[in-house]
Amino acid sequence: MIVDISVVPIGVGESLSFYISEAVKVIQNRGLKYSLNSMGTAVEVESFSELGDLLDEIKEKLRETGVPRIYIVIKADWRERSASIEYKVKAVEERLRTQYPHHHSEGSIHHRIVNSA
């Protein structure tokens, strides 16, 4: 299952990069495949239970750094047959290539998929 997670620490000021990097470290330490983007992080998890455990760990990590409140937005794509982050991006890029042959997506941020396993 692919989930897109946006974690917004509240009450810590305008700059959030420190806190977001702490959340990403939790994902990395779990060995999960992920793709960071400007508005969130796509993560591959096996189940909603694993997602819940991941969110609990992120919440605890941010609480330890002094965050008094956290707003989390989650989008989940569950399907009977699994699909990776790379597969979903490649499927769209392939469609763009065939329907719009002058489209060039090489070097796009979506090519940077991280597998910390």
Protein backbone atom coordinates (compact mmCIF):
# COMPACT_ATOMS: atom_id res chain seq x y z
CA MET A 1 0.00 0.00 0.00
CA ILE A 2 1.24 3.48 -0.80
CA VAL A 3 0.41 6.28 1.61
CA ASP A 4 1.16 9.96 1.33
CA ILE A 5 1.85 11.51 4.72
CA SER A 6 2.01 15.22 5.49
CA VAL A 7 3.15 16.02 9.02
CA VAL A 8 2.68 19.60 10.19
CA PRO A 9 4.16 20.46 13.59
CA ILE A 10 2.17 23.30 15.20
CA GLY A 11 3.47 25.73 17.80
CA VAL A 12 7.14 25.56 16.83
CA GLY A 13 7.48 28.53 14.48
CA GLU A 14 7.57 28.95 10.74
CA SER A 15 10.58 26.80 9.81
CA LEU A 16 9.66 23.13 9.97
CA SER A 17 12.55 21.41 8.16
CA PHE A 18 14.17 20.18 11.39
CA TYR A 19 10.95 18.49 12.50
CA ILE A 20 10.18 17.06 9.07
CA SER A 21 13.68 15.60 8.88
CA GLU A 22 13.09 13.95 12.26
CA ALA A 23 9.91 12.36 10.88
CA VAL A 24 11.75 11.17 7.76
CA LYS A 25 14.48 9.63 9.97
CA VAL A 26 11.78 7.47 11.58
CA ILE A 27 10.77 6.23 8.12
CA GLN A 28 14.41 5.59 7.19
CA ASN A 29 15.12 3.73 10.43
CA ARG A 30 12.20 1.40 9.69
CA GLY A 31 13.76 0.58 6.31
CA LEU A 32 10.67 1.68 4.38
CA LYS A 33 10.75 2.77 0.75
CA TYR A 34 9.75 6.43 0.48
CA SER A 35 9.77 9.46 -1.76
CA LEU A 36 10.02 12.91 -0.20
CA ASN A 37 8.34 15.79 -2.00
CA SER A 38 7.63 19.42 -1.18
CA MET A 39 4.22 18.73 0.35
CA GLY A 40 4.65 15.35 2.03
CA THR A 41 6.22 11.94 1.82
CA ALA A 42 4.98 8.90 -0.10
CA VAL A 43 5.72 5.71 1.84
CA GLU A 44 5.20 2.03 1.02
CA VAL A 45 3.70 0.09 3.95
CA GLU A 46 2.20 -3.39 4.17
CA SER A 47 -0.92 -2.58 6.18
CA PHE A 48 -2.96 0.03 8.00
CA SER A 49 -1.56 -1.43 11.23
CA GLU A 50 1.98 -0.72 10.05
CA LEU A 51 0.88 2.80 9.08
CA GLY A 52 -0.58 3.32 12.54
CA ASP A 53 2.63 2.14 14.20
CA LEU A 54 4.66 4.45 11.94
CA LEU A 55 2.46 7.45 12.79
CA ASP A 56 2.70 6.67 16.51
CA GLU A 57 6.49 6.56 16.26
CA ILE A 58 6.62 9.83 14.31
CA LYS A 59 4.32 11.46 16.88
CA GLU A 60 6.52 10.27 19.75
CA LYS A 61 9.70 11.47 18.03
CA LEU A 62 8.23 14.93 17.45
CA ARG A 63 6.83 15.08 20.99
CA GLU A 64 10.34 14.36 22.28
CA THR A 65 11.63 17.36 20.31
CA GLY A 66 9.11 19.65 21.99
CA VAL A 67 6.30 19.79 19.45
CA PRO A 68 3.08 20.53 21.39
CA ARG A 69 0.67 19.73 18.54
CA ILE A 70 0.87 17.81 15.25
CA TYR A 71 -1.50 17.99 12.29
CA ILE A 72 -1.25 14.91 10.03
CA VAL A 73 -2.85 14.44 6.62
CA ILE A 74 -2.87 10.91 5.16
CA LYS A 75 -3.86 9.69 1.72
CA ALA A 76 -3.81 5.92 1.26
CA ASP A 77 -3.90 3.86 -1.94
CA TRP A 78 -4.74 0.27 -1.08
CA ARG A 79 -5.27 -2.18 -3.93
CA GLU A 80 -5.63 -5.93 -4.24
CA ARG A 81 -2.39 -6.25 -6.19
CA SER A 82 0.47 -4.20 -4.92
CA ALA A 83 2.07 -1.35 -6.85
CA SER A 84 5.26 0.45 -5.95
CA ILE A 85 5.85 4.17 -5.87
CA GLU A 86 8.05 3.77 -8.96
CA TYR A 87 5.35 1.84 -10.84
CA LYS A 88 2.74 4.54 -10.29
CA VAL A 89 5.08 7.33 -11.42
CA LYS A 90 6.33 5.35 -14.44
CA ALA A 91 2.75 4.56 -15.53
CA VAL A 92 1.88 8.27 -15.67
CA GLU A 93 5.16 9.20 -17.36
CA GLU A 94 4.67 6.46 -19.97
CA ARG A 95 1.19 7.75 -20.71
CA LEU A 96 2.59 11.27 -21.07
CA ARG A 97 5.25 10.00 -23.48
CA THR A 98 2.74 8.19 -25.66
CA GLN A 99 0.04 10.87 -25.61
CA TYR A 100 2.38 13.87 -25.60
CA PRO A 101 5.62 12.82 -27.34
CA HIS A 102 7.30 16.19 -26.71
CA HIS A 103 6.88 15.89 -22.93
CA HIS A 104 10.18 15.45 -21.09
CA SER A 105 10.12 14.35 -17.47
CA GLU A 106 13.72 13.20 -17.10
CA GLY A 107 15.27 14.67 -14.00
CA SER A 108 11.90 15.36 -12.39
CA ILE A 109 11.74 15.16 -8.62
CA HIS A 110 9.65 11.99 -9.01
CA HIS A 111 12.67 10.10 -10.29
CA ARG A 112 14.23 10.32 -6.84
CA ILE A 113 12.80 7.31 -5.04
CA VAL A 114 14.66 6.36 -1.89
CA ASN A 115 14.94 2.81 -0.66
CA SER A 116 16.64 2.81 2.71
CA ALA A 117 16.34 -0.95 3.20
